[in-house]
Amino acid sequence: MTGENRETDAVTGVETTGHEWDGIRELDNPLPRWWLWVFWACVLFSIGYWVAMPAWPGVSGYTKGLLGQSDRREVAASLVDLRALRGAESGRLTSASLEQIEQDPELQTYALALGQSVFGDNCATCHGAGGAGAKGYANLRDDVWLWGGSLEDIRHTIEFGIRSEDPQTRMSAMPAFGRDGLLQPAQVADLTEYVVGLSGRPASKAAVARAAPVFAEQCVSCHGPAGKGDQAVGAPDLTDGDWLYGSDRASISAQIHNGRGGVMPAWGRRFDPQTIKALAVYIHANSGQ
């Protein structure tokens, strides 16, 4: 509790503030001299900083400061210096084909270093620092590719994206068979068993038999009669052990029901051609191709 009565402490001889908590009274001691000096030094430094550096926003701009400091200008100058430093190698990247880059040890080393840097800043958020991916995000370290794992395939995917707004983007659509009423729940369940069986795992023979004509009618056009998929349309191979959204029955059923499909940005709108090439070389070199 707090009180308003100020009195002198019998032990120290210092007047109290009148505040008391659980029998503990607060002494009215002044702040340490060193603390005050530090405080006022900070105040003076702040005033000097406001005057010397950009600090105060305005209606159509901001105060520029007496020193004229501009981080934007420094970054722009740094980028100019970086382009000049990279000039020769970047020029070689521009003129060389992807295959020539991989065959030239010096140029490949440069491309790998540049690609690793770009990958870490832009791609690792989804694909992971090592490119191993996660549920819903492709693993770039193996040899399983929805749209092909050649250098040119990888470059095309990076530049134009998957289901992006770019006119040349790669586009595929897995129908939402359950959500849109194309199949009944029992048919989705049977088709789930059929897909489980395609991957070589034990599955209900009766459900597989019932689902066979449904698969032939609804799925063969993309995944093929044997379920091997088709990279030309981005249809995954259903017979292997690699699954983008999970291999358990619940995940397969959810995919058939909802028809999920991810989006890959069209990086060609952000990166120059040299960077696209370097990134393609880096991803290809670290894949299982």
C-alpha atoms as a PDB file:
ATOM      1  CA  MET A   1       0.000   0.000   0.000  1.00  0.00           C
ATOM      2  CA  THR A   2       1.056   3.623  -0.409  1.00  0.00           C
ATOM      3  CA  GLY A   3       0.717   6.472   2.009  1.00  0.00           C
ATOM      4  CA  GLU A   4       1.024  10.236   1.920  1.00  0.00           C
ATOM      5  CA  ASN A   5       2.888  10.772   5.219  1.00  0.00           C
ATOM      6  CA  ARG A   6       6.539  11.634   4.716  1.00  0.00           C
ATOM      7  CA  GLU A   7       8.795  10.988   7.676  1.00  0.00           C
ATOM      8  CA  THR A   8      12.444  10.575   8.482  1.00  0.00           C
ATOM      9  CA  ASP A   9      13.842   7.040   8.510  1.00  0.00           C
ATOM     10  CA  ALA A  10      15.256   6.294  11.955  1.00  0.00           C
ATOM     11  CA  VAL A  11      18.134   4.167  10.663  1.00  0.00           C
ATOM     12  CA  THR A  12      19.457   6.264   7.779  1.00  0.00           C
ATOM     13  CA  GLY A  13      18.149   9.666   8.717  1.00  0.00           C
ATOM     14  CA  VAL A  14      16.790  10.104   5.150  1.00  0.00           C
ATOM     15  CA  GLU A  15      13.287  11.346   4.577  1.00  0.00           C
ATOM     16  CA  THR A  16      10.903   8.800   3.024  1.00  0.00           C
ATOM     17  CA  THR A  17       8.682   9.414  -0.004  1.00  0.00           C
ATOM     18  CA  GLY A  18       5.563   8.345   1.888  1.00  0.00           C
ATOM     19  CA  HIS A  19       5.276   5.167  -0.220  1.00  0.00           C
ATOM     20  CA  GLU A  20       5.170   1.831   1.556  1.00  0.00           C
ATOM     21  CA  TRP A  21       4.851  -1.729   0.265  1.00  0.00           C
ATOM     22  CA  ASP A  22       4.399  -4.575   2.757  1.00  0.00           C
ATOM     23  CA  GLY A  23       6.177  -2.625   5.450  1.00  0.00           C
ATOM     24  CA  ILE A  24       9.032  -1.539   3.204  1.00  0.00           C
ATOM     25  CA  ARG A  25       9.392   2.238   3.002  1.00  0.00           C
ATOM     26  CA  GLU A  26      10.978   4.043   0.048  1.00  0.00           C
ATOM     27  CA  LEU A  27      13.744   6.468   0.884  1.00  0.00           C
ATOM     28  CA  ASP A  28      13.806   9.788  -0.954  1.00  0.00           C
ATOM     29  CA  ASN A  29      17.434   9.501  -2.068  1.00  0.00           C
ATOM     30  CA  PRO A  30      18.598  11.533  -5.084  1.00  0.00           C
ATOM     31  CA  LEU A  31      19.648   9.740  -8.273  1.00  0.00           C
ATOM     32  CA  PRO A  32      23.357   8.857  -8.485  1.00  0.00           C
ATOM     33  CA  ARG A  33      25.430  11.649  -9.971  1.00  0.00           C
ATOM     34  CA  TRP A  34      26.928   9.372 -12.652  1.00  0.00           C
ATOM     35  CA  TRP A  35      23.430   8.316 -13.790  1.00  0.00           C
ATOM     36  CA  LEU A  36      22.397  11.932 -14.242  1.00  0.00           C
ATOM     37  CA  TRP A  37      25.517  12.707 -16.287  1.00  0.00           C
ATOM     38  CA  VAL A  38      24.858   9.716 -18.534  1.00  0.00           C
ATOM     39  CA  PHE A  39      21.216  10.719 -18.934  1.00  0.00           C
ATOM     40  CA  TRP A  40      21.994  14.288 -19.955  1.00  0.00           C
ATOM     41  CA  ALA A  41      24.796  13.119 -22.230  1.00  0.00           C
ATOM     42  CA  CYS A  42      22.274  10.900 -24.027  1.00  0.00           C
ATOM     43  CA  VAL A  43      19.873  13.833 -24.337  1.00  0.00           C
ATOM     44  CA  LEU A  44      22.593  16.023 -25.880  1.00  0.00           C
ATOM     45  CA  PHE A  45      23.690  13.237 -28.215  1.00  0.00           C
ATOM     46  CA  SER A  46      20.085  12.748 -29.362  1.00  0.00           C
ATOM     47  CA  ILE A  47      19.690  16.437 -30.144  1.00  0.00           C
ATOM     48  CA  GLY A  48      22.946  16.400 -32.108  1.00  0.00           C
ATOM     49  CA  TYR A  49      21.838  13.277 -33.992  1.00  0.00           C
ATOM     50  CA  TRP A  50      18.505  14.879 -34.948  1.00  0.00           C
ATOM     51  CA  VAL A  51      20.380  17.832 -36.417  1.00  0.00           C
ATOM     52  CA  ALA A  52      23.169  15.913 -38.155  1.00  0.00           C
ATOM     53  CA  MET A  53      21.259  12.906 -39.523  1.00  0.00           C
ATOM     54  CA  PRO A  54      17.948  12.371 -41.360  1.00  0.00           C
ATOM     55  CA  ALA A  55      15.417  12.161 -38.577  1.00  0.00           C
ATOM     56  CA  TRP A  56      12.125  14.056 -38.803  1.00  0.00           C
ATOM     57  CA  PRO A  57       9.363  13.085 -41.253  1.00  0.00           C
ATOM     58  CA  GLY A  58       7.481  15.799 -43.068  1.00  0.00           C
ATOM     59  CA  VAL A  59       4.450  16.109 -45.322  1.00  0.00           C
ATOM     60  CA  SER A  60       6.347  15.392 -48.538  1.00  0.00           C
ATOM     61  CA  GLY A  61       9.771  14.318 -47.310  1.00  0.00           C
ATOM     62  CA  TYR A  62      12.044  14.367 -44.297  1.00  0.00           C
ATOM     63  CA  THR A  63      14.869  16.397 -42.814  1.00  0.00           C
ATOM     64  CA  LYS A  64      18.089  15.487 -44.624  1.00  0.00           C
ATOM     65  CA  GLY A  65      20.469  16.374 -41.769  1.00  0.00           C
ATOM     66  CA  LEU A  66      23.623  18.485 -41.895  1.00  0.00           C
ATOM     67  CA  LEU A  67      25.776  15.469 -42.855  1.00  0.00           C
ATOM     68  CA  GLY A  68      23.559  14.546 -45.812  1.00  0.00           C
ATOM     69  CA  GLN A  69      23.628  10.859 -44.886  1.00  0.00           C
ATOM     70  CA  SER A  70      21.573   8.599 -47.192  1.00  0.00           C
ATOM     71  CA  ASP A  71      21.506   4.816 -46.794  1.00  0.00           C
ATOM     72  CA  ARG A  72      19.589   4.547 -50.068  1.00  0.00           C
ATOM     73  CA  ARG A  73      22.378   6.366 -51.907  1.00  0.00           C
ATOM     74  CA  GLU A  74      25.031   4.205 -50.261  1.00  0.00           C
ATOM     75  CA  VAL A  75      23.227   1.005 -51.245  1.00  0.00           C
ATOM     76  CA  ALA A  76      22.885   2.247 -54.826  1.00  0.00           C
ATOM     77  CA  ALA A  77      26.612   3.060 -54.922  1.00  0.00           C
ATOM     78  CA  SER A  78      27.453  -0.344 -53.465  1.00  0.00           C
ATOM     79  CA  LEU A  79      25.371  -2.057 -56.146  1.00  0.00           C
ATOM     80  CA  VAL A  80      27.197  -0.108 -58.856  1.00  0.00           C
ATOM     81  CA  ASP A  81      30.537  -1.183 -57.371  1.00  0.00           C
ATOM     82  CA  LEU A  82      29.329  -4.780 -57.124  1.00  0.00           C
ATOM     83  CA  ARG A  83      28.208  -4.825 -60.755  1.00  0.00           C
ATOM     84  CA  ALA A  84      31.575  -3.430 -61.790  1.00  0.00           C
ATOM     85  CA  LEU A  85      33.354  -6.106 -59.745  1.00  0.00           C
ATOM     86  CA  ARG A  86      31.198  -8.827 -61.243  1.00  0.00           C
ATOM     87  CA  GLY A  87      31.272  -7.297 -64.694  1.00  0.00           C
ATOM     88  CA  ALA A  88      33.619  -9.706 -66.437  1.00  0.00           C
ATOM     89  CA  GLU A  89      32.146 -12.873 -64.951  1.00  0.00           C
ATOM     90  CA  SER A  90      28.575 -11.645 -65.417  1.00  0.00           C
ATOM     91  CA  GLY A  91      29.333 -10.977 -69.054  1.00  0.00           C
ATOM     92  CA  ARG A  92      30.585 -14.520 -69.474  1.00  0.00           C
ATOM     93  CA  LEU A  93      27.438 -15.852 -67.785  1.00  0.00           C
ATOM     94  CA  THR A  94      25.332 -13.899 -70.251  1.00  0.00           C
ATOM     95  CA  SER A  95      27.059 -15.256 -73.322  1.00  0.00           C
ATOM     96  CA  ALA A  96      27.586 -18.843 -72.136  1.00  0.00           C
ATOM     97  CA  SER A  97      24.946 -21.545 -72.287  1.00  0.00           C
ATOM     98  CA  LEU A  98      23.973 -23.431 -69.151  1.00  0.00           C
ATOM     99  CA  GLU A  99      25.935 -26.473 -70.322  1.00  0.00           C
ATOM    100  CA  GLN A 100      29.005 -24.349 -71.048  1.00  0.00           C
ATOM    101  CA  ILE A 101      28.845 -22.867 -67.562  1.00  0.00           C
ATOM    102  CA  GLU A 102      28.948 -26.327 -66.008  1.00  0.00           C
ATOM    103  CA  GLN A 103      31.840 -27.364 -68.245  1.00  0.00           C
ATOM    104  CA  ASP A 104      33.968 -24.325 -67.366  1.00  0.00           C
ATOM    105  CA  PRO A 105      35.358 -24.862 -63.830  1.00  0.00           C
ATOM    106  CA  GLU A 106      36.106 -21.171 -63.239  1.00  0.00           C
ATOM    107  CA  LEU A 107      32.753 -19.962 -64.530  1.00  0.00           C
ATOM    108  CA  GLN A 108      30.900 -22.730 -62.699  1.00  0.00           C
ATOM    109  CA  THR A 109      32.582 -21.770 -59.423  1.00  0.00           C
ATOM    110  CA  TYR A 110      31.414 -18.189 -59.882  1.00  0.00           C
ATOM    111  CA  ALA A 111      27.891 -19.317 -60.793  1.00  0.00           C
ATOM    112  CA  LEU A 112      27.695 -21.636 -57.774  1.00  0.00           C
ATOM    113  CA  ALA A 113      28.797 -18.882 -55.393  1.00  0.00           C
ATOM    114  CA  LEU A 114      26.301 -16.420 -56.843  1.00  0.00           C
ATOM    115  CA  GLY A 115      23.527 -19.025 -56.947  1.00  0.00           C
ATOM    116  CA  GLN A 116      24.102 -20.051 -53.334  1.00  0.00           C
ATOM    117  CA  SER A 117      23.861 -16.443 -52.185  1.00  0.00           C
ATOM    118  CA  VAL A 118      20.670 -15.813 -54.148  1.00  0.00           C
ATOM    119  CA  PHE A 119      19.146 -19.115 -53.024  1.00  0.00           C
ATOM    120  CA  GLY A 120      19.791 -18.334 -49.358  1.00  0.00           C
ATOM    121  CA  ASP A 121      18.192 -14.896 -49.645  1.00  0.00           C
ATOM    122  CA  ASN A 122      15.163 -15.823 -51.732  1.00  0.00           C
ATOM    123  CA  CYS A 123      14.481 -19.570 -51.961  1.00  0.00           C
ATOM    124  CA  ALA A 124      15.431 -21.014 -48.570  1.00  0.00           C
ATOM    125  CA  THR A 125      12.279 -19.593 -46.959  1.00  0.00           C
ATOM    126  CA  CYS A 126      10.210 -22.278 -48.698  1.00  0.00           C
ATOM    127  CA  HIS A 127      12.702 -24.930 -49.785  1.00  0.00           C
ATOM    128  CA  GLY A 128      14.906 -24.815 -46.682  1.00  0.00           C
ATOM    129  CA  ALA A 129      18.520 -23.721 -46.291  1.00  0.00           C
ATOM    130  CA  GLY A 130      19.754 -26.934 -47.889  1.00  0.00           C
ATOM    131  CA  GLY A 131      16.948 -27.183 -50.451  1.00  0.00           C
ATOM    132  CA  ALA A 132      15.477 -30.317 -48.849  1.00  0.00           C
ATOM    133  CA  GLY A 133      11.980 -28.808 -48.905  1.00  0.00           C
ATOM    134  CA  ALA A 134       9.072 -29.629 -46.610  1.00  0.00           C
ATOM    135  CA  LYS A 135       5.465 -30.757 -46.871  1.00  0.00           C
ATOM    136  CA  GLY A 136       4.035 -28.792 -49.784  1.00  0.00           C
ATOM    137  CA  TYR A 137       7.459 -27.493 -50.862  1.00  0.00           C
ATOM    138  CA  ALA A 138       9.548 -29.449 -53.336  1.00  0.00           C
ATOM    139  CA  ASN A 139      12.769 -31.183 -52.325  1.00  0.00           C
ATOM    140  CA  LEU A 140      15.458 -29.833 -54.656  1.00  0.00           C
ATOM    141  CA  ARG A 141      18.151 -32.251 -53.487  1.00  0.00           C
ATOM    142  CA  ASP A 142      16.735 -35.465 -54.965  1.00  0.00           C
ATOM    143  CA  ASP A 143      16.182 -36.632 -58.540  1.00  0.00           C
ATOM    144  CA  VAL A 144      12.381 -36.340 -58.486  1.00  0.00           C
ATOM    145  CA  TRP A 145      11.083 -33.391 -60.520  1.00  0.00           C
ATOM    146  CA  LEU A 146       7.493 -32.523 -61.406  1.00  0.00           C
ATOM    147  CA  TRP A 147       8.522 -30.396 -64.367  1.00  0.00           C
ATOM    148  CA  GLY A 148      11.880 -31.942 -65.236  1.00  0.00           C
ATOM    149  CA  GLY A 149      15.297 -31.641 -63.663  1.00  0.00           C
ATOM    150  CA  SER A 150      17.462 -30.668 -66.626  1.00  0.00           C
ATOM    151  CA  LEU A 151      19.306 -27.370 -66.562  1.00  0.00           C
ATOM    152  CA  GLU A 152      16.861 -25.845 -69.040  1.00  0.00           C
ATOM    153  CA  ASP A 153      13.825 -27.193 -67.164  1.00  0.00           C
ATOM    154  CA  ILE A 154      15.092 -25.720 -63.899  1.00  0.00           C
ATOM    155  CA  ARG A 155      15.897 -22.390 -65.543  1.00  0.00           C
ATOM    156  CA  HIS A 156      12.411 -22.196 -67.075  1.00  0.00           C
ATOM    157  CA  THR A 157      10.749 -22.934 -63.745  1.00  0.00           C
ATOM    158  CA  ILE A 158      12.822 -20.301 -61.957  1.00  0.00           C
ATOM    159  CA  GLU A 159      12.247 -17.624 -64.583  1.00  0.00           C
ATOM    160  CA  PHE A 160       8.524 -18.113 -65.197  1.00  0.00           C
ATOM    161  CA  GLY A 161       7.356 -19.839 -62.031  1.00  0.00           C
ATOM    162  CA  ILE A 162       4.573 -22.315 -61.349  1.00  0.00           C
ATOM    163  CA  ARG A 163       0.974 -21.048 -61.488  1.00  0.00           C
ATOM    164  CA  SER A 164       2.315 -17.508 -61.372  1.00  0.00           C
ATOM    165  CA  GLU A 165       0.975 -14.468 -63.192  1.00  0.00           C
ATOM    166  CA  ASP A 166       3.612 -14.704 -65.918  1.00  0.00           C
ATOM    167  CA  PRO A 167       2.156 -15.651 -69.333  1.00  0.00           C
ATOM    168  CA  GLN A 168       4.830 -18.349 -69.759  1.00  0.00           C
ATOM    169  CA  THR A 169       4.390 -19.887 -66.317  1.00  0.00           C
ATOM    170  CA  ARG A 170       4.089 -23.639 -65.948  1.00  0.00           C
ATOM    171  CA  MET A 171       0.465 -24.467 -65.239  1.00  0.00           C
ATOM    172  CA  SER A 172      -1.237 -27.630 -64.025  1.00  0.00           C
ATOM    173  CA  ALA A 173      -4.439 -28.223 -62.132  1.00  0.00           C
ATOM    174  CA  MET A 174      -5.364 -31.170 -59.941  1.00  0.00           C
ATOM    175  CA  PRO A 175      -9.179 -31.252 -59.817  1.00  0.00           C
ATOM    176  CA  ALA A 176     -10.839 -31.058 -56.414  1.00  0.00           C
ATOM    177  CA  PHE A 177     -12.719 -34.304 -56.993  1.00  0.00           C
ATOM    178  CA  GLY A 178     -14.406 -34.375 -53.609  1.00  0.00           C
ATOM    179  CA  ARG A 179     -14.879 -30.685 -52.866  1.00  0.00           C
ATOM    180  CA  ASP A 180     -16.411 -29.966 -56.280  1.00  0.00           C
ATOM    181  CA  GLY A 181     -18.597 -33.061 -56.250  1.00  0.00           C
ATOM    182  CA  LEU A 182     -16.862 -34.799 -59.156  1.00  0.00           C
ATOM    183  CA  LEU A 183     -16.581 -37.960 -57.070  1.00  0.00           C
ATOM    184  CA  GLN A 184     -18.571 -39.280 -54.149  1.00  0.00           C
ATOM    185  CA  PRO A 185     -16.855 -39.775 -50.750  1.00  0.00           C
ATOM    186  CA  ALA A 186     -16.854 -43.554 -51.240  1.00  0.00           C
ATOM    187  CA  GLN A 187     -15.144 -43.131 -54.611  1.00  0.00           C
ATOM    188  CA  VAL A 188     -12.512 -40.848 -53.062  1.00  0.00           C
ATOM    189  CA  ALA A 189     -11.864 -43.507 -50.401  1.00  0.00           C
ATOM    190  CA  ASP A 190     -11.526 -46.228 -53.050  1.00  0.00           C
ATOM    191  CA  LEU A 191      -9.262 -44.044 -55.187  1.00  0.00           C
ATOM    192  CA  THR A 192      -7.085 -43.415 -52.143  1.00  0.00           C
ATOM    193  CA  GLU A 193      -6.591 -47.161 -51.774  1.00  0.00           C
ATOM    194  CA  TYR A 194      -5.834 -47.433 -55.488  1.00  0.00           C
ATOM    195  CA  VAL A 195      -3.085 -44.805 -55.237  1.00  0.00           C
ATOM    196  CA  VAL A 196      -1.673 -46.488 -52.120  1.00  0.00           C
ATOM    197  CA  GLY A 197      -1.519 -49.719 -54.120  1.00  0.00           C
ATOM    198  CA  LEU A 198       0.230 -47.975 -57.015  1.00  0.00           C
ATOM    199  CA  SER A 199       3.104 -47.075 -54.695  1.00  0.00           C
ATOM    200  CA  GLY A 200       3.623 -50.747 -53.851  1.00  0.00           C
ATOM    201  CA  ARG A 201       2.005 -50.740 -50.417  1.00  0.00           C
ATOM    202  CA  PRO A 202      -0.708 -53.085 -49.105  1.00  0.00           C
ATOM    203  CA  ALA A 203      -4.155 -51.858 -50.123  1.00  0.00           C
ATOM    204  CA  SER A 204      -7.716 -53.164 -50.092  1.00  0.00           C
ATOM    205  CA  LYS A 205      -8.123 -55.334 -53.171  1.00  0.00           C
ATOM    206  CA  ALA A 206     -11.860 -54.708 -53.300  1.00  0.00           C
ATOM    207  CA  ALA A 207     -11.376 -50.931 -53.160  1.00  0.00           C
ATOM    208  CA  VAL A 208      -8.646 -51.104 -55.816  1.00  0.00           C
ATOM    209  CA  ALA A 209     -10.965 -53.071 -58.115  1.00  0.00           C
ATOM    210  CA  ARG A 210     -13.776 -50.566 -57.634  1.00  0.00           C
ATOM    211  CA  ALA A 211     -11.438 -47.603 -58.217  1.00  0.00           C
ATOM    212  CA  ALA A 212      -9.762 -48.967 -61.373  1.00  0.00           C
ATOM    213  CA  PRO A 213     -12.397 -47.627 -63.814  1.00  0.00           C
ATOM    214  CA  VAL A 214     -12.531 -44.308 -61.917  1.00  0.00           C
ATOM    215  CA  PHE A 215      -8.759 -43.944 -62.217  1.00  0.00           C
ATOM    216  CA  ALA A 216      -8.914 -44.779 -65.916  1.00  0.00           C
ATOM    217  CA  GLU A 217     -11.608 -42.173 -66.507  1.00  0.00           C
ATOM    218  CA  GLN A 218     -10.395 -39.348 -64.258  1.00  0.00           C
ATOM    219  CA  CYS A 219      -6.651 -39.707 -63.701  1.00  0.00           C
ATOM    220  CA  VAL A 220      -4.985 -41.506 -66.611  1.00  0.00           C
ATOM    221  CA  SER A 221      -4.964 -38.422 -68.856  1.00  0.00           C
ATOM    222  CA  CYS A 222      -2.366 -36.806 -66.576  1.00  0.00           C
ATOM    223  CA  HIS A 223      -0.784 -39.570 -64.500  1.00  0.00           C
ATOM    224  CA  GLY A 224      -0.738 -42.212 -67.246  1.00  0.00           C
ATOM    225  CA  PRO A 225      -2.199 -45.755 -67.240  1.00  0.00           C
ATOM    226  CA  ALA A 226       0.484 -46.996 -64.837  1.00  0.00           C
ATOM    227  CA  GLY A 227       0.461 -43.844 -62.668  1.00  0.00           C
ATOM    228  CA  LYS A 228       4.000 -42.891 -63.700  1.00  0.00           C
ATOM    229  CA  GLY A 229       3.093 -39.248 -64.161  1.00  0.00           C
ATOM    230  CA  ASP A 230       4.095 -36.809 -66.896  1.00  0.00           C
ATOM    231  CA  GLN A 231       6.649 -34.022 -66.457  1.00  0.00           C
ATOM    232  CA  ALA A 232       5.253 -32.227 -69.504  1.00  0.00           C
ATOM    233  CA  VAL A 233       2.115 -31.361 -67.518  1.00  0.00           C
ATOM    234  CA  GLY A 234       3.589 -31.451 -64.011  1.00  0.00           C
ATOM    235  CA  ALA A 235       1.772 -34.655 -63.031  1.00  0.00           C
ATOM    236  CA  PRO A 236       3.644 -36.553 -60.288  1.00  0.00           C
ATOM    237  CA  ASP A 237       4.668 -40.192 -60.420  1.00  0.00           C
ATOM    238  CA  LEU A 238       2.302 -42.056 -58.080  1.00  0.00           C
ATOM    239  CA  THR A 239       4.386 -45.234 -58.031  1.00  0.00           C
ATOM    240  CA  ASP A 240       7.472 -43.971 -56.190  1.00  0.00           C
ATOM    241  CA  GLY A 241       8.049 -43.113 -52.538  1.00  0.00           C
ATOM    242  CA  ASP A 242       8.234 -39.336 -52.950  1.00  0.00           C
ATOM    243  CA  TRP A 243       5.156 -37.308 -52.023  1.00  0.00           C
ATOM    244  CA  LEU A 244       4.823 -33.543 -51.996  1.00  0.00           C
ATOM    245  CA  TYR A 245       1.854 -33.436 -49.621  1.00  0.00           C
ATOM    246  CA  GLY A 246       2.393 -36.675 -47.695  1.00  0.00           C
ATOM    247  CA  SER A 247       2.077 -40.392 -48.428  1.00  0.00           C
ATOM    248  CA  ASP A 248      -0.299 -41.503 -45.660  1.00  0.00           C
ATOM    249  CA  ARG A 249      -3.912 -42.261 -46.546  1.00  0.00           C
ATOM    250  CA  ALA A 250      -5.244 -39.084 -44.935  1.00  0.00           C
ATOM    251  CA  SER A 251      -2.878 -36.893 -46.979  1.00  0.00           C
ATOM    252  CA  ILE A 252      -3.649 -38.731 -50.242  1.00  0.00           C
ATOM    253  CA  SER A 253      -7.383 -38.514 -49.586  1.00  0.00           C
ATOM    254  CA  ALA A 254      -7.085 -34.793 -48.825  1.00  0.00           C
ATOM    255  CA  GLN A 255      -5.220 -34.250 -52.098  1.00  0.00           C
ATOM    256  CA  ILE A 256      -7.863 -36.083 -54.115  1.00  0.00           C
ATOM    257  CA  HIS A 257     -10.652 -34.250 -52.292  1.00  0.00           C
ATOM    258  CA  ASN A 258      -9.172 -30.722 -52.402  1.00  0.00           C
ATOM    259  CA  GLY A 259      -6.834 -30.808 -55.394  1.00  0.00           C
ATOM    260  CA  ARG A 260      -4.052 -28.743 -53.823  1.00  0.00           C
ATOM    261  CA  GLY A 261      -1.397 -27.040 -55.940  1.00  0.00           C
ATOM    262  CA  GLY A 262       1.443 -24.743 -54.883  1.00  0.00           C
ATOM    263  CA  VAL A 263       2.654 -21.493 -56.411  1.00  0.00           C
ATOM    264  CA  MET A 264       6.232 -20.727 -57.448  1.00  0.00           C
ATOM    265  CA  PRO A 265       7.028 -17.022 -58.079  1.00  0.00           C
ATOM    266  CA  ALA A 266       8.238 -15.945 -61.519  1.00  0.00           C
ATOM    267  CA  TRP A 267      11.727 -14.834 -60.515  1.00  0.00           C
ATOM    268  CA  GLY A 268      12.454 -13.527 -64.003  1.00  0.00           C
ATOM    269  CA  ARG A 269      10.603 -10.385 -63.004  1.00  0.00           C
ATOM    270  CA  ARG A 270      13.099  -9.761 -60.234  1.00  0.00           C
ATOM    271  CA  PHE A 271      16.407 -11.317 -61.306  1.00  0.00           C
ATOM    272  CA  ASP A 272      18.501 -10.550 -64.362  1.00  0.00           C
ATOM    273  CA  PRO A 273      19.327 -13.390 -66.806  1.00  0.00           C
ATOM    274  CA  GLN A 274      22.800 -13.932 -65.295  1.00  0.00           C
ATOM    275  CA  THR A 275      21.307 -14.503 -61.836  1.00  0.00           C
ATOM    276  CA  ILE A 276      18.675 -16.872 -63.228  1.00  0.00           C
ATOM    277  CA  LYS A 277      21.424 -18.911 -64.884  1.00  0.00           C
ATOM    278  CA  ALA A 278      23.561 -18.977 -61.744  1.00  0.00           C
ATOM    279  CA  LEU A 279      20.606 -20.122 -59.655  1.00  0.00           C
ATOM    280  CA  ALA A 280      19.742 -22.859 -62.142  1.00  0.00           C
ATOM    281  CA  VAL A 281      23.339 -24.108 -62.141  1.00  0.00           C
ATOM    282  CA  TYR A 282      23.454 -24.066 -58.335  1.00  0.00           C
ATOM    283  CA  ILE A 283      20.209 -26.025 -57.950  1.00  0.00           C
ATOM    284  CA  HIS A 284      21.169 -28.515 -60.661  1.00  0.00           C
ATOM    285  CA  ALA A 285      24.614 -29.090 -59.139  1.00  0.00           C
ATOM    286  CA  ASN A 286      23.098 -29.863 -55.725  1.00  0.00           C
ATOM    287  CA  SER A 287      20.313 -32.102 -56.998  1.00  0.00           C
ATOM    288  CA  GLY A 288      20.391 -35.828 -57.567  1.00  0.00           C
ATOM    289  CA  GLN A 289      20.420 -35.414 -61.360  1.00  0.00           C
END
